[in-house]
Every structure is written in C-alpha cells, then in structure tokens.
Amino acid sequence: MRELIEFLAKSLVDDPDAVEVNQIEGEKSVIVELKVASEDMGKVIGKQGKIAKAIRTIAKAAGAKAGKKVIVEIIS
C-alpha cells in the first residue's frame, strides 16, 4: 500500500524528493499518511479534491483485496 501511494504522489508533484509516506497498520485497517511539500499540496488535492478522491479510491480498492479498510491522510 505504501509503495502504491508513494508512486502516485511522486508522479504528480514537482518535488518528488519531498514526498513521505508513513503507514500505520491495525488489525482491520491501515492509515496511510502522505506528506508533500506545501507548494505541491494543490497538485495532490486537485480541483475540488478530485485527485485526492481518486488516490483514496485506488487505495481502498487495493485494501479491499487484502481485506483491510484504508484511510489516506494528506498533510503538508
């Protein structure tokens, strides 16, 4: 999960070296914290949050395959 989110984020931003992904695993859920540079925040969120929603949808689909609920938090 961590690698998937990191790949997607690095593909979107201007400064891929600033992308950090932290994964916290629970019994039935996974929390993925995505940290990007403040100037790249708009690129990751997108207009009206469409890109962020797409990232969350992809993560939820991958999590469903593993039987876990995935929560993606985007922070700067």
PDB file of N, CA and C in Angstrom:
ATOM      1  N   MET A   1       0.831  -1.189   0.000  1.00  0.00           N
ATOM      2  CA  MET A   1       0.000   0.000   0.000  1.00  0.00           C
ATOM      3  C   MET A   1       0.877   1.256   0.000  1.00  0.00           C
ATOM      4  N   ARG A   2       1.900   1.232   0.833  1.00  0.00           N
ATOM      5  CA  ARG A   2       2.783   2.380   0.960  1.00  0.00           C
ATOM      6  C   ARG A   2       3.444   2.707  -0.378  1.00  0.00           C
ATOM      7  N   GLU A   3       3.911   1.686  -1.072  1.00  0.00           N
ATOM      8  CA  GLU A   3       4.598   1.884  -2.342  1.00  0.00           C
ATOM      9  C   GLU A   3       3.655   2.447  -3.409  1.00  0.00           C
ATOM     10  N   LEU A   4       2.417   1.979  -3.402  1.00  0.00           N
ATOM     11  CA  LEU A   4       1.418   2.454  -4.365  1.00  0.00           C
ATOM     12  C   LEU A   4       1.145   3.938  -4.193  1.00  0.00           C
ATOM     13  N   ILE A   5       0.886   4.364  -2.965  1.00  0.00           N
ATOM     14  CA  ILE A   5       0.600   5.774  -2.682  1.00  0.00           C
ATOM     15  C   ILE A   5       1.825   6.636  -2.996  1.00  0.00           C
ATOM     16  N   GLU A   6       3.000   6.136  -2.644  1.00  0.00           N
ATOM     17  CA  GLU A   6       4.231   6.888  -2.906  1.00  0.00           C
ATOM     18  C   GLU A   6       4.452   7.068  -4.415  1.00  0.00           C
ATOM     19  N   PHE A   7       4.224   6.025  -5.193  1.00  0.00           N
ATOM     20  CA  PHE A   7       4.374   6.113  -6.646  1.00  0.00           C
ATOM     21  C   PHE A   7       3.404   7.134  -7.235  1.00  0.00           C
ATOM     22  N   LEU A   8       2.142   7.076  -6.812  1.00  0.00           N
ATOM     23  CA  LEU A   8       1.142   8.016  -7.328  1.00  0.00           C
ATOM     24  C   LEU A   8       1.508   9.458  -6.986  1.00  0.00           C
ATOM     25  N   ALA A   9       1.913   9.689  -5.747  1.00  0.00           N
ATOM     26  CA  ALA A   9       2.235  11.045  -5.304  1.00  0.00           C
ATOM     27  C   ALA A   9       3.461  11.590  -6.026  1.00  0.00           C
ATOM     28  N   LYS A  10       4.494  10.767  -6.155  1.00  0.00           N
ATOM     29  CA  LYS A  10       5.715  11.232  -6.818  1.00  0.00           C
ATOM     30  C   LYS A  10       5.471  11.535  -8.292  1.00  0.00           C
ATOM     31  N   SER A  11       4.505  10.862  -8.895  1.00  0.00           N
ATOM     32  CA  SER A  11       4.176  11.120 -10.292  1.00  0.00           C
ATOM     33  C   SER A  11       3.466  12.456 -10.474  1.00  0.00           C
ATOM     34  N   LEU A  12       2.824  12.949  -9.420  1.00  0.00           N
ATOM     35  CA  LEU A  12       2.026  14.165  -9.516  1.00  0.00           C
ATOM     36  C   LEU A  12       2.790  15.449  -9.187  1.00  0.00           C
ATOM     37  N   VAL A  13       3.750  15.388  -8.284  1.00  0.00           N
ATOM     38  CA  VAL A  13       4.358  16.596  -7.729  1.00  0.00           C
ATOM     39  C   VAL A  13       5.592  17.045  -8.504  1.00  0.00           C
ATOM     40  N   ASP A  14       5.995  18.315  -8.259  1.00  0.00           N
ATOM     41  CA  ASP A  14       7.205  18.867  -8.865  1.00  0.00           C
ATOM     42  C   ASP A  14       8.456  18.457  -8.088  1.00  0.00           C
ATOM     43  N   ASP A  15       8.308  18.240  -6.781  1.00  0.00           N
ATOM     44  CA  ASP A  15       9.437  17.887  -5.917  1.00  0.00           C
ATOM     45  C   ASP A  15       9.234  16.489  -5.336  1.00  0.00           C
ATOM     46  N   PRO A  16       9.542  15.435  -6.105  1.00  0.00           N
ATOM     47  CA  PRO A  16       9.293  14.073  -5.622  1.00  0.00           C
ATOM     48  C   PRO A  16      10.148  13.679  -4.417  1.00  0.00           C
ATOM     49  N   ASP A  17      11.265  14.374  -4.188  1.00  0.00           N
ATOM     50  CA  ASP A  17      12.111  14.052  -3.032  1.00  0.00           C
ATOM     51  C   ASP A  17      11.451  14.447  -1.713  1.00  0.00           C
ATOM     52  N   ALA A  18      10.495  15.369  -1.750  1.00  0.00           N
ATOM     53  CA  ALA A  18       9.821  15.826  -0.540  1.00  0.00           C
ATOM     54  C   ALA A  18       8.653  14.930  -0.146  1.00  0.00           C
ATOM     55  N   VAL A  19       8.325  13.946  -0.968  1.00  0.00           N
ATOM     56  CA  VAL A  19       7.192  13.059  -0.674  1.00  0.00           C
ATOM     57  C   VAL A  19       7.596  12.043   0.389  1.00  0.00           C
ATOM     58  N   GLU A  20       6.786  11.971   1.448  1.00  0.00           N
ATOM     59  CA  GLU A  20       6.996  10.988   2.512  1.00  0.00           C
ATOM     60  C   GLU A  20       5.695  10.254   2.747  1.00  0.00           C
ATOM     61  N   VAL A  21       5.784   8.950   2.895  1.00  0.00           N
ATOM     62  CA  VAL A  21       4.602   8.137   3.148  1.00  0.00           C
ATOM     63  C   VAL A  21       4.850   7.313   4.404  1.00  0.00           C
ATOM     64  N   ASN A  22       3.927   7.426   5.354  1.00  0.00           N
ATOM     65  CA  ASN A  22       4.007   6.675   6.600  1.00  0.00           C
ATOM     66  C   ASN A  22       2.780   5.785   6.688  1.00  0.00           C
ATOM     67  N   GLN A  23       2.990   4.521   6.991  1.00  0.00           N
ATOM     68  CA  GLN A  23       1.882   3.569   7.042  1.00  0.00           C
ATOM     69  C   GLN A  23       1.742   3.032   8.460  1.00  0.00           C
ATOM     70  N   ILE A  24       0.526   3.124   8.995  1.00  0.00           N
ATOM     71  CA  ILE A  24       0.220   2.619  10.327  1.00  0.00           C
ATOM     72  C   ILE A  24      -0.793   1.494  10.177  1.00  0.00           C
ATOM     73  N   GLU A  25      -0.400   0.300  10.567  1.00  0.00           N
ATOM     74  CA  GLU A  25      -1.257  -0.874  10.379  1.00  0.00           C
ATOM     75  C   GLU A  25      -2.008  -1.211  11.659  1.00  0.00           C
ATOM     76  N   GLY A  26      -3.287  -1.512  11.491  1.00  0.00           N
ATOM     77  CA  GLY A  26      -4.104  -2.020  12.577  1.00  0.00           C
ATOM     78  C   GLY A  26      -4.579  -3.414  12.214  1.00  0.00           C
ATOM     79  N   GLU A  27      -5.491  -3.976  13.014  1.00  0.00           N
ATOM     80  CA  GLU A  27      -5.982  -5.314  12.724  1.00  0.00           C
ATOM     81  C   GLU A  27      -6.820  -5.354  11.457  1.00  0.00           C
ATOM     82  N   LYS A  28      -7.740  -4.396  11.332  1.00  0.00           N
ATOM     83  CA  LYS A  28      -8.641  -4.388  10.182  1.00  0.00           C
ATOM     84  C   LYS A  28      -8.506  -3.148   9.321  1.00  0.00           C
ATOM     85  N   SER A  29      -7.574  -2.270   9.672  1.00  0.00           N
ATOM     86  CA  SER A  29      -7.445  -1.033   8.911  1.00  0.00           C
ATOM     87  C   SER A  29      -5.986  -0.630   8.747  1.00  0.00           C
ATOM     88  N   VAL A  30      -5.763   0.232   7.777  1.00  0.00           N
ATOM     89  CA  VAL A  30      -4.435   0.789   7.504  1.00  0.00           C
ATOM     90  C   VAL A  30      -4.602   2.288   7.329  1.00  0.00           C
ATOM     91  N   ILE A  31      -3.794   3.057   8.044  1.00  0.00           N
ATOM     92  CA  ILE A  31      -3.797   4.506   7.881  1.00  0.00           C
ATOM     93  C   ILE A  31      -2.514   4.872   7.143  1.00  0.00           C
ATOM     94  N   VAL A  32      -2.674   5.567   6.021  1.00  0.00           N
ATOM     95  CA  VAL A  32      -1.527   5.988   5.225  1.00  0.00           C
ATOM     96  C   VAL A  32      -1.466   7.510   5.284  1.00  0.00           C
ATOM     97  N   GLU A  33      -0.349   8.025   5.805  1.00  0.00           N
ATOM     98  CA  GLU A  33      -0.143   9.467   5.876  1.00  0.00           C
ATOM     99  C   GLU A  33       0.757   9.874   4.709  1.00  0.00           C
ATOM    100  N   LEU A  34       0.255  10.751   3.875  1.00  0.00           N
ATOM    101  CA  LEU A  34       1.006  11.238   2.717  1.00  0.00           C
ATOM    102  C   LEU A  34       1.423  12.674   2.992  1.00  0.00           C
ATOM    103  N   LYS A  35       2.727  12.898   3.034  1.00  0.00           N
ATOM    104  CA  LYS A  35       3.248  14.235   3.300  1.00  0.00           C
ATOM    105  C   LYS A  35       3.958  14.738   2.057  1.00  0.00           C
ATOM    106  N   VAL A  36       3.559  15.923   1.587  1.00  0.00           N
ATOM    107  CA  VAL A  36       4.173  16.536   0.408  1.00  0.00           C
ATOM    108  C   VAL A  36       4.593  17.963   0.755  1.00  0.00           C
ATOM    109  N   ALA A  37       5.411  18.553  -0.103  1.00  0.00           N
ATOM    110  CA  ALA A  37       5.816  19.945   0.085  1.00  0.00           C
ATOM    111  C   ALA A  37       4.590  20.845  -0.033  1.00  0.00           C
ATOM    112  N   SER A  38       4.602  21.953   0.678  1.00  0.00           N
ATOM    113  CA  SER A  38       3.425  22.829   0.699  1.00  0.00           C
ATOM    114  C   SER A  38       3.082  23.383  -0.681  1.00  0.00           C
ATOM    115  N   GLU A  39       4.093  23.609  -1.531  1.00  0.00           N
ATOM    116  CA  GLU A  39       3.799  24.129  -2.864  1.00  0.00           C
ATOM    117  C   GLU A  39       3.198  23.062  -3.788  1.00  0.00           C
ATOM    118  N   ASP A  40       3.323  21.793  -3.430  1.00  0.00           N
ATOM    119  CA  ASP A  40       2.745  20.702  -4.219  1.00  0.00           C
ATOM    120  C   ASP A  40       1.392  20.230  -3.687  1.00  0.00           C
ATOM    121  N   MET A  41       0.929  20.815  -2.611  1.00  0.00           N
ATOM    122  CA  MET A  41      -0.318  20.388  -1.995  1.00  0.00           C
ATOM    123  C   MET A  41      -1.495  20.484  -2.974  1.00  0.00           C
ATOM    124  N   GLY A  42      -1.568  21.543  -3.739  1.00  0.00           N
ATOM    125  CA  GLY A  42      -2.658  21.724  -4.694  1.00  0.00           C
ATOM    126  C   GLY A  42      -2.660  20.667  -5.790  1.00  0.00           C
ATOM    127  N   LYS A  43      -1.489  20.215  -6.175  1.00  0.00           N
ATOM    128  CA  LYS A  43      -1.402  19.195  -7.226  1.00  0.00           C
ATOM    129  C   LYS A  43      -1.892  17.846  -6.725  1.00  0.00           C
ATOM    130  N   VAL A  44      -1.666  17.563  -5.449  1.00  0.00           N
ATOM    131  CA  VAL A  44      -2.095  16.283  -4.885  1.00  0.00           C
ATOM    132  C   VAL A  44      -3.590  16.296  -4.579  1.00  0.00           C
ATOM    133  N   ILE A  45      -4.107  17.450  -4.173  1.00  0.00           N
ATOM    134  CA  ILE A  45      -5.539  17.543  -3.858  1.00  0.00           C
ATOM    135  C   ILE A  45      -6.363  17.708  -5.132  1.00  0.00           C
ATOM    136  N   GLY A  46      -5.924  18.563  -6.040  1.00  0.00           N
ATOM    137  CA  GLY A  46      -6.640  18.766  -7.298  1.00  0.00           C
ATOM    138  C   GLY A  46      -7.837  19.683  -7.141  1.00  0.00           C
ATOM    139  N   LYS A  47      -8.445  20.016  -8.260  1.00  0.00           N
ATOM    140  CA  LYS A  47      -9.617  20.886  -8.237  1.00  0.00           C
ATOM    141  C   LYS A  47     -10.773  20.157  -7.573  1.00  0.00           C
ATOM    142  N   GLN A  48     -11.347  20.798  -6.580  1.00  0.00           N
ATOM    143  CA  GLN A  48     -12.470  20.271  -5.808  1.00  0.00           C
ATOM    144  C   GLN A  48     -12.151  18.906  -5.192  1.00  0.00           C
ATOM    145  N   GLY A  49     -10.849  18.626  -4.980  1.00  0.00           N
ATOM    146  CA  GLY A  49     -10.445  17.394  -4.320  1.00  0.00           C
ATOM    147  C   GLY A  49     -10.544  16.147  -5.169  1.00  0.00           C
ATOM    148  N   LYS A  50     -10.621  16.306  -6.474  1.00  0.00           N
ATOM    149  CA  LYS A  50     -10.816  15.147  -7.350  1.00  0.00           C
ATOM    150  C   LYS A  50      -9.621  14.202  -7.377  1.00  0.00           C
ATOM    151  N   ILE A  51      -8.403  14.736  -7.373  1.00  0.00           N
ATOM    152  CA  ILE A  51      -7.225  13.871  -7.401  1.00  0.00           C
ATOM    153  C   ILE A  51      -7.076  13.148  -6.066  1.00  0.00           C
ATOM    154  N   ALA A  52      -7.309  13.855  -4.962  1.00  0.00           N
ATOM    155  CA  ALA A  52      -7.240  13.218  -3.647  1.00  0.00           C
ATOM    156  C   ALA A  52      -8.280  12.105  -3.534  1.00  0.00           C
ATOM    157  N   LYS A  53      -9.461  12.357  -4.055  1.00  0.00           N
ATOM    158  CA  LYS A  53     -10.519  11.343  -4.028  1.00  0.00           C
ATOM    159  C   LYS A  53     -10.122  10.128  -4.863  1.00  0.00           C
ATOM    160  N   ALA A  54      -9.477  10.366  -6.007  1.00  0.00           N
ATOM    161  CA  ALA A  54      -9.033   9.261  -6.865  1.00  0.00           C
ATOM    162  C   ALA A  54      -7.944   8.436  -6.170  1.00  0.00           C
ATOM    163  N   ILE A  55      -7.013   9.101  -5.482  1.00  0.00           N
ATOM    164  CA  ILE A  55      -5.970   8.385  -4.742  1.00  0.00           C
ATOM    165  C   ILE A  55      -6.602   7.524  -3.652  1.00  0.00           C
ATOM    166  N   ARG A  56      -7.575   8.087  -2.945  1.00  0.00           N
ATOM    167  CA  ARG A  56      -8.254   7.330  -1.883  1.00  0.00           C
ATOM    168  C   ARG A  56      -9.025   6.145  -2.451  1.00  0.00           C
ATOM    169  N   THR A  57      -9.654   6.320  -3.612  1.00  0.00           N
ATOM    170  CA  THR A  57     -10.398   5.232  -4.242  1.00  0.00           C
ATOM    171  C   THR A  57      -9.476   4.089  -4.638  1.00  0.00           C
ATOM    172  N   ILE A  58      -8.322   4.412  -5.217  1.00  0.00           N
ATOM    173  CA  ILE A  58      -7.348   3.387  -5.596  1.00  0.00           C
ATOM    174  C   ILE A  58      -6.842   2.654  -4.361  1.00  0.00           C
ATOM    175  N   ALA A  59      -6.566   3.409  -3.292  1.00  0.00           N
ATOM    176  CA  ALA A  59      -6.077   2.796  -2.057  1.00  0.00           C
ATOM    177  C   ALA A  59      -7.139   1.885  -1.437  1.00  0.00           C
ATOM    178  N   LYS A  60      -8.397   2.310  -1.466  1.00  0.00           N
ATOM    179  CA  LYS A  60      -9.470   1.481  -0.914  1.00  0.00           C
ATOM    180  C   LYS A  60      -9.641   0.200  -1.709  1.00  0.00           C
ATOM    181  N   ALA A  61      -9.494   0.283  -3.033  1.00  0.00           N
ATOM    182  CA  ALA A  61      -9.606  -0.916  -3.868  1.00  0.00           C
ATOM    183  C   ALA A  61      -8.469  -1.888  -3.560  1.00  0.00           C
ATOM    184  N   ALA A  62      -7.265  -1.376  -3.402  1.00  0.00           N
ATOM    185  CA  ALA A  62      -6.131  -2.238  -3.062  1.00  0.00           C
ATOM    186  C   ALA A  62      -6.292  -2.827  -1.667  1.00  0.00           C
ATOM    187  N   GLY A  63      -6.848  -2.044  -0.753  1.00  0.00           N
ATOM    188  CA  GLY A  63      -7.078  -2.529   0.605  1.00  0.00           C
ATOM    189  C   GLY A  63      -8.164  -3.579   0.665  1.00  0.00           C
ATOM    190  N   ALA A  64      -9.185  -3.432  -0.165  1.00  0.00           N
ATOM    191  CA  ALA A  64     -10.277  -4.408  -0.194  1.00  0.00           C
ATOM    192  C   ALA A  64      -9.759  -5.766  -0.631  1.00  0.00           C
ATOM    193  N   LYS A  65      -8.783  -5.765  -1.508  1.00  0.00           N
ATOM    194  CA  LYS A  65      -8.183  -7.014  -1.964  1.00  0.00           C
ATOM    195  C   LYS A  65      -7.489  -7.731  -0.799  1.00  0.00           C
ATOM    196  N   ALA A  66      -6.928  -6.948   0.117  1.00  0.00           N
ATOM    197  CA  ALA A  66      -6.250  -7.512   1.285  1.00  0.00           C
ATOM    198  C   ALA A  66      -7.193  -7.664   2.474  1.00  0.00           C
ATOM    199  N   GLY A  67      -8.436  -7.222   2.304  1.00  0.00           N
ATOM    200  CA  GLY A  67      -9.416  -7.335   3.389  1.00  0.00           C
ATOM    201  C   GLY A  67      -9.247  -6.300   4.486  1.00  0.00           C
ATOM    202  N   LYS A  68      -8.690  -5.136   4.153  1.00  0.00           N
ATOM    203  CA  LYS A  68      -8.483  -4.075   5.142  1.00  0.00           C
ATOM    204  C   LYS A  68      -9.087  -2.773   4.662  1.00  0.00           C
ATOM    205  N   LYS A  69      -9.513  -1.961   5.620  1.00  0.00           N
ATOM    206  CA  LYS A  69     -10.018  -0.627   5.317  1.00  0.00           C
ATOM    207  C   LYS A  69      -8.820   0.321   5.287  1.00  0.00           C
ATOM    208  N   VAL A  70      -8.754   1.151   4.252  1.00  0.00           N
ATOM    209  CA  VAL A  70      -7.617   2.055   4.081  1.00  0.00           C
ATOM    210  C   VAL A  70      -8.081   3.492   4.223  1.00  0.00           C
ATOM    211  N   ILE A  71      -7.349   4.250   5.019  1.00  0.00           N
ATOM    212  CA  ILE A  71      -7.610   5.672   5.218  1.00  0.00           C
ATOM    213  C   ILE A  71      -6.369   6.430   4.770  1.00  0.00           C
ATOM    214  N   VAL A  72      -6.526   7.360   3.838  1.00  0.00           N
ATOM    215  CA  VAL A  72      -5.393   8.157   3.339  1.00  0.00           C
ATOM    216  C   VAL A  72      -5.545   9.574   3.865  1.00  0.00           C
ATOM    217  N   GLU A  73      -4.530  10.033   4.592  1.00  0.00           N
ATOM    218  CA  GLU A  73      -4.492  11.397   5.111  1.00  0.00           C
ATOM    219  C   GLU A  73      -3.395  12.154   4.373  1.00  0.00           C
ATOM    220  N   ILE A  74      -3.743  13.312   3.838  1.00  0.00           N
ATOM    221  CA  ILE A  74      -2.780  14.133   3.110  1.00  0.00           C
ATOM    222  C   ILE A  74      -2.409  15.324   3.993  1.00  0.00           C
ATOM    223  N   ILE A  75      -1.115  15.438   4.296  1.00  0.00           N
ATOM    224  CA  ILE A  75      -0.649  16.518   5.170  1.00  0.00           C
ATOM    225  C   ILE A  75       0.528  17.232   4.504  1.00  0.00           C
ATOM    226  N   SER A  76       0.788  18.466   4.944  1.00  0.00           N
ATOM    227  CA  SER A  76       1.947  19.182   4.395  1.00  0.00           C
ATOM    228  C   SER A  76       2.896  19.550   5.493  1.00  0.00           C
TER     229      SER A  76
END
